[in-house]
Amino acid sequence: KMLSYFLLMIFLGLFSVFIFIATVSQGAIIYSIKQSIQKKPINITKAWHVGAANFYRLFFVNFFKKIALTLISIIIALSAYAAFIIPSIINNLFFLGIFLSASFAGLVLSFVIVYASNYVIVEKFAIGEAFSAAWELFKNHWIVSFEVGILLLVFNLFLGVFIALGFVLLVLPAILIWFVFILIIGSEIALNSGFVAGLAVFAMYLMLAGAMFTIFTTYIWTYIFMKMHKIGVKSRIVHYLSYKPNKI
């Protein structure tokens, strides 16, 4: 029992450190991007201090997002379970309606959370004030928000292809070497170490790609946010639909 409690405490400690570093890093990245957009010098130490100073507010903003998305996922899962257990046209239509409504609510929530996080760091708003301002910002720019969301979804697909390519280049050769060792040498230590090394390299590649994409998406949202709440951003779709060519 003592060993189990000890391991549990270590796990909780490491998890808490991970949460702290991830949250502070999020604030530091938003602050650094804001400085870059405003063409001001970026001080990494100050950026970290800004993230640490806003840790609790950012943490509760992200915590609210996790809870809300978890509830949305549970609602979708329960409706899917009902449609699976008692298949009928009505249940299938009910599931489709719940799925579309919950997905839309999840998207809107994600946009509001992004804007609230920026209000916390850029404008130093309190949590309630940040959510209120984020909701108003979304209502005034909901088309632009969905345009950016769809654009980032496309980039997500490219990221998936990039990760799949990395898997082919890094893991598959390790698997081939693993089989070669089995057929020729038969040394378990050598083949296992080669296989583990390939997986370790792919894991580092995966974390690097994820970190770079996170910074990229944060830059996009922070740039859009600063344009929105300062001067406003016009929808490209509305712009093209309302465009009237000059008559000669």
Protein backbone atom coordinates (compact mmCIF):
# COMPACT_ATOMS: atom_id res chain seq x y z
CA LYS A 1 0.00 0.00 0.00
CA MET A 2 2.77 2.43 0.90
CA LEU A 3 4.43 1.79 -2.46
CA SER A 4 1.13 2.37 -4.28
CA TYR A 5 0.55 5.66 -2.43
CA PHE A 6 4.14 6.69 -3.15
CA LEU A 7 3.79 5.96 -6.87
CA LEU A 8 0.43 7.76 -6.91
CA MET A 9 1.98 10.84 -5.30
CA ILE A 10 4.81 10.81 -7.84
CA PHE A 11 2.31 10.52 -10.69
CA LEU A 12 0.15 13.36 -9.34
CA GLY A 13 3.24 15.50 -8.82
CA LEU A 14 4.48 14.93 -12.37
CA PHE A 15 0.98 15.55 -13.73
CA SER A 16 0.72 18.82 -11.80
CA VAL A 17 4.13 19.95 -13.09
CA PHE A 18 3.07 19.09 -16.64
CA ILE A 19 -0.18 21.08 -16.27
CA PHE A 20 1.70 24.05 -14.84
CA ILE A 21 4.34 24.08 -17.59
CA ALA A 22 1.75 23.63 -20.37
CA THR A 23 -0.49 26.43 -19.04
CA VAL A 24 2.35 28.87 -18.40
CA SER A 25 3.82 28.08 -21.82
CA GLN A 26 0.47 28.85 -23.42
CA GLY A 27 0.43 32.27 -21.78
CA ALA A 28 4.07 32.88 -22.69
CA ILE A 29 3.44 31.98 -26.34
CA ILE A 30 0.39 34.28 -26.58
CA TYR A 31 2.36 37.14 -24.99
CA SER A 32 5.35 36.59 -27.31
CA ILE A 33 3.11 36.48 -30.38
CA LYS A 34 1.40 39.70 -29.25
CA GLN A 35 4.80 41.36 -28.91
CA SER A 36 5.81 40.10 -32.35
CA ILE A 37 2.62 41.38 -33.99
CA GLN A 38 3.09 44.78 -32.35
CA LYS A 39 6.73 44.76 -33.52
CA LYS A 40 8.01 44.95 -29.95
CA PRO A 41 11.05 43.09 -28.55
CA ILE A 42 10.38 39.62 -27.19
CA ASN A 43 11.84 38.80 -23.79
CA ILE A 44 11.57 35.07 -23.04
CA THR A 45 11.98 35.59 -19.29
CA LYS A 46 9.26 38.24 -19.18
CA ALA A 47 7.00 36.07 -21.36
CA TRP A 48 7.38 33.21 -18.88
CA HIS A 49 6.61 35.54 -15.96
CA VAL A 50 3.49 36.79 -17.77
CA GLY A 51 2.35 33.19 -18.28
CA ALA A 52 3.06 32.34 -14.64
CA ALA A 53 1.23 35.45 -13.40
CA ASN A 54 -1.87 34.42 -15.35
CA PHE A 55 -1.62 30.71 -14.57
CA TYR A 56 -4.80 30.41 -12.49
CA ARG A 57 -6.97 32.34 -14.94
CA LEU A 58 -5.68 30.39 -17.95
CA PHE A 59 -5.99 27.14 -16.03
CA PHE A 60 -9.67 27.72 -15.19
CA VAL A 61 -10.41 28.83 -18.76
CA ASN A 62 -8.91 25.58 -20.09
CA PHE A 63 -10.50 23.55 -17.28
CA PHE A 64 -13.92 24.89 -18.23
CA LYS A 65 -13.23 23.91 -21.84
CA LYS A 66 -12.28 20.35 -20.86
CA ILE A 67 -15.39 19.93 -18.69
CA ALA A 68 -17.72 21.34 -21.35
CA LEU A 69 -16.20 19.25 -24.16
CA THR A 70 -16.37 16.15 -21.95
CA LEU A 71 -20.09 16.74 -21.33
CA ILE A 72 -20.66 17.25 -25.06
CA SER A 73 -18.82 13.99 -25.80
CA ILE A 74 -20.92 12.13 -23.21
CA ILE A 75 -24.14 13.47 -24.77
CA ILE A 76 -23.01 12.32 -28.23
CA ALA A 77 -21.96 8.91 -26.89
CA LEU A 78 -25.29 8.36 -25.10
CA SER A 79 -27.31 9.30 -28.19
CA ALA A 80 -25.13 7.01 -30.33
CA TYR A 81 -25.60 4.18 -27.81
CA ALA A 82 -29.38 4.63 -27.90
CA ALA A 83 -29.39 4.59 -31.70
CA PHE A 84 -27.23 1.44 -31.69
CA ILE A 85 -29.28 -0.46 -29.07
CA ILE A 86 -32.67 0.44 -30.52
CA PRO A 87 -32.10 1.06 -34.23
CA SER A 88 -34.89 3.01 -35.86
CA ILE A 89 -35.31 5.94 -38.20
CA ILE A 90 -36.40 8.20 -35.33
CA ASN A 91 -33.41 7.26 -33.15
CA ASN A 92 -31.01 7.69 -36.08
CA LEU A 93 -32.44 11.12 -36.86
CA PHE A 94 -32.28 11.99 -33.16
CA PHE A 95 -28.62 10.95 -33.04
CA LEU A 96 -27.85 12.96 -36.18
CA GLY A 97 -29.52 16.03 -34.70
CA ILE A 98 -27.68 15.63 -31.38
CA PHE A 99 -24.37 15.04 -33.16
CA LEU A 100 -24.67 18.11 -35.40
CA SER A 101 -25.91 20.33 -32.55
CA ALA A 102 -23.21 19.15 -30.14
CA SER A 103 -20.48 19.50 -32.77
CA PHE A 104 -21.62 23.06 -33.51
CA ALA A 105 -21.69 23.87 -29.79
CA GLY A 106 -18.19 22.41 -29.42
CA LEU A 107 -16.86 24.59 -32.24
CA VAL A 108 -18.44 27.73 -30.80
CA LEU A 109 -17.04 26.85 -27.36
CA SER A 110 -13.56 26.40 -28.83
CA PHE A 111 -13.70 29.82 -30.49
CA VAL A 112 -14.89 31.51 -27.29
CA ILE A 113 -12.18 29.77 -25.22
CA VAL A 114 -9.48 30.93 -27.64
CA TYR A 115 -10.68 34.52 -27.44
CA ALA A 116 -11.07 34.35 -23.64
CA SER A 117 -7.47 33.09 -23.31
CA ASN A 118 -6.26 36.03 -25.39
CA TYR A 119 -8.30 38.50 -23.34
CA VAL A 120 -6.68 37.10 -20.17
CA ILE A 121 -3.12 37.59 -21.50
CA VAL A 122 -3.43 40.56 -23.87
CA GLU A 123 -5.98 42.66 -21.97
CA LYS A 124 -5.44 41.18 -18.47
CA PHE A 125 -9.17 40.55 -18.03
CA ALA A 126 -10.61 38.56 -15.15
CA ILE A 127 -12.18 35.18 -16.01
CA GLY A 128 -15.80 36.33 -16.11
CA GLU A 129 -14.93 39.50 -17.98
CA ALA A 130 -12.82 37.52 -20.46
CA PHE A 131 -15.66 35.08 -21.23
CA SER A 132 -18.16 37.93 -21.62
CA ALA A 133 -15.88 39.85 -23.97
CA ALA A 134 -14.99 36.66 -25.88
CA TRP A 135 -18.69 35.88 -26.46
CA GLU A 136 -19.35 39.40 -27.74
CA LEU A 137 -16.30 39.18 -30.01
CA PHE A 138 -17.51 35.86 -31.41
CA LYS A 139 -21.03 37.20 -32.03
CA ASN A 140 -19.58 40.12 -33.98
CA HIS A 141 -17.18 37.93 -35.99
CA TRP A 142 -18.83 34.50 -36.09
CA ILE A 143 -18.39 34.07 -39.86
CA VAL A 144 -14.69 34.95 -39.66
CA SER A 145 -14.29 32.54 -36.74
CA PHE A 146 -15.70 29.66 -38.76
CA GLU A 147 -13.59 30.64 -41.78
CA VAL A 148 -10.41 30.49 -39.70
CA GLY A 149 -11.58 27.26 -38.05
CA ILE A 150 -12.13 25.58 -41.42
CA LEU A 151 -8.74 26.82 -42.66
CA LEU A 152 -7.00 25.36 -39.60
CA LEU A 153 -8.93 22.10 -40.10
CA VAL A 154 -7.35 21.86 -43.56
CA PHE A 155 -3.93 22.46 -42.01
CA ASN A 156 -4.75 19.69 -39.51
CA LEU A 157 -5.22 17.31 -42.43
CA PHE A 158 -1.82 18.33 -43.81
CA LEU A 159 -0.34 17.72 -40.35
CA GLY A 160 -1.82 14.21 -40.41
CA VAL A 161 -0.13 13.53 -43.75
CA PHE A 162 3.13 14.96 -42.38
CA ILE A 163 2.97 12.68 -39.34
CA ALA A 164 2.13 9.65 -41.50
CA LEU A 165 5.15 10.44 -43.67
CA GLY A 166 7.32 10.63 -40.56
CA PHE A 167 6.00 7.25 -39.45
CA VAL A 168 6.96 5.74 -42.82
CA LEU A 169 10.44 7.28 -42.73
CA LEU A 170 11.26 6.65 -39.06
CA VAL A 171 9.34 3.62 -37.76
CA LEU A 172 9.04 1.33 -40.77
CA PRO A 173 12.85 1.16 -41.30
CA ALA A 174 13.19 0.24 -37.63
CA ILE A 175 10.64 -2.57 -38.12
CA LEU A 176 12.54 -3.83 -41.18
CA ILE A 177 15.82 -3.79 -39.24
CA TRP A 178 14.00 -5.63 -36.44
CA PHE A 179 13.06 -8.46 -38.83
CA VAL A 180 16.59 -8.54 -40.29
CA PHE A 181 18.04 -9.01 -36.79
CA ILE A 182 15.56 -11.82 -36.16
CA LEU A 183 16.48 -13.66 -39.36
CA ILE A 184 20.24 -13.12 -39.31
CA ILE A 185 21.48 -12.45 -35.79
CA GLY A 186 18.64 -13.53 -33.56
CA SER A 187 19.81 -11.28 -30.73
CA GLU A 188 16.81 -10.12 -28.73
CA ILE A 189 18.72 -7.27 -27.07
CA ALA A 190 19.95 -5.85 -30.39
CA LEU A 191 16.63 -6.12 -32.20
CA ASN A 192 14.61 -4.76 -29.27
CA SER A 193 16.96 -1.82 -28.77
CA GLY A 194 16.74 -0.97 -32.49
CA PHE A 195 12.96 -1.14 -32.45
CA VAL A 196 12.71 0.98 -29.27
CA ALA A 197 15.16 3.51 -30.74
CA GLY A 198 12.95 3.87 -33.83
CA LEU A 199 9.86 4.41 -31.71
CA ALA A 200 11.72 6.94 -29.52
CA VAL A 201 12.82 8.95 -32.56
CA PHE A 202 9.26 8.91 -33.93
CA ALA A 203 7.89 10.03 -30.52
CA MET A 204 10.28 13.00 -30.52
CA TYR A 205 9.31 13.76 -34.10
CA LEU A 206 5.64 13.61 -33.11
CA MET A 207 6.13 15.96 -30.15
CA LEU A 208 8.14 18.42 -32.27
CA ALA A 209 5.50 18.46 -35.02
CA GLY A 210 2.73 18.90 -32.46
CA ALA A 211 4.57 21.74 -30.70
CA MET A 212 5.26 23.57 -33.97
CA PHE A 213 1.64 23.21 -35.09
CA THR A 214 0.39 24.44 -31.70
CA ILE A 215 2.58 27.55 -31.99
CA PHE A 216 1.38 28.07 -35.57
CA THR A 217 -2.33 27.84 -34.66
CA THR A 218 -1.81 30.03 -31.58
CA TYR A 219 -0.15 32.66 -33.78
CA ILE A 220 -3.08 32.59 -36.22
CA TRP A 221 -5.71 32.93 -33.49
CA THR A 222 -3.79 35.62 -31.61
CA TYR A 223 -3.28 37.61 -34.82
CA ILE A 224 -6.98 37.30 -35.70
CA PHE A 225 -7.97 38.19 -32.14
CA MET A 226 -5.89 41.36 -32.08
CA LYS A 227 -7.30 42.44 -35.44
CA MET A 228 -10.86 41.66 -34.36
CA HIS A 229 -11.00 43.52 -31.08
CA LYS A 230 -8.96 46.50 -32.27
CA ILE A 231 -10.12 47.31 -35.80
CA GLY A 232 -12.40 44.40 -36.77
CA VAL A 233 -11.99 41.73 -39.45
CA LYS A 234 -14.22 41.41 -42.50
CA SER A 235 -15.35 37.99 -43.69
CA ARG A 236 -13.78 36.94 -46.99
CA ILE A 237 -16.97 35.07 -47.93
CA VAL A 238 -19.13 38.15 -47.35
CA HIS A 239 -16.57 40.24 -49.21
CA TYR A 240 -16.68 38.03 -52.30
CA LEU A 241 -20.48 37.68 -52.22
CA SER A 242 -20.95 41.42 -51.95
CA TYR A 243 -18.28 42.28 -54.50
CA LYS A 244 -19.61 44.21 -57.46
CA PRO A 245 -17.28 44.66 -60.41
CA ASN A 246 -17.05 48.12 -61.89
CA LYS A 247 -19.06 48.50 -65.04
CA ILE A 248 -17.25 49.90 -68.05
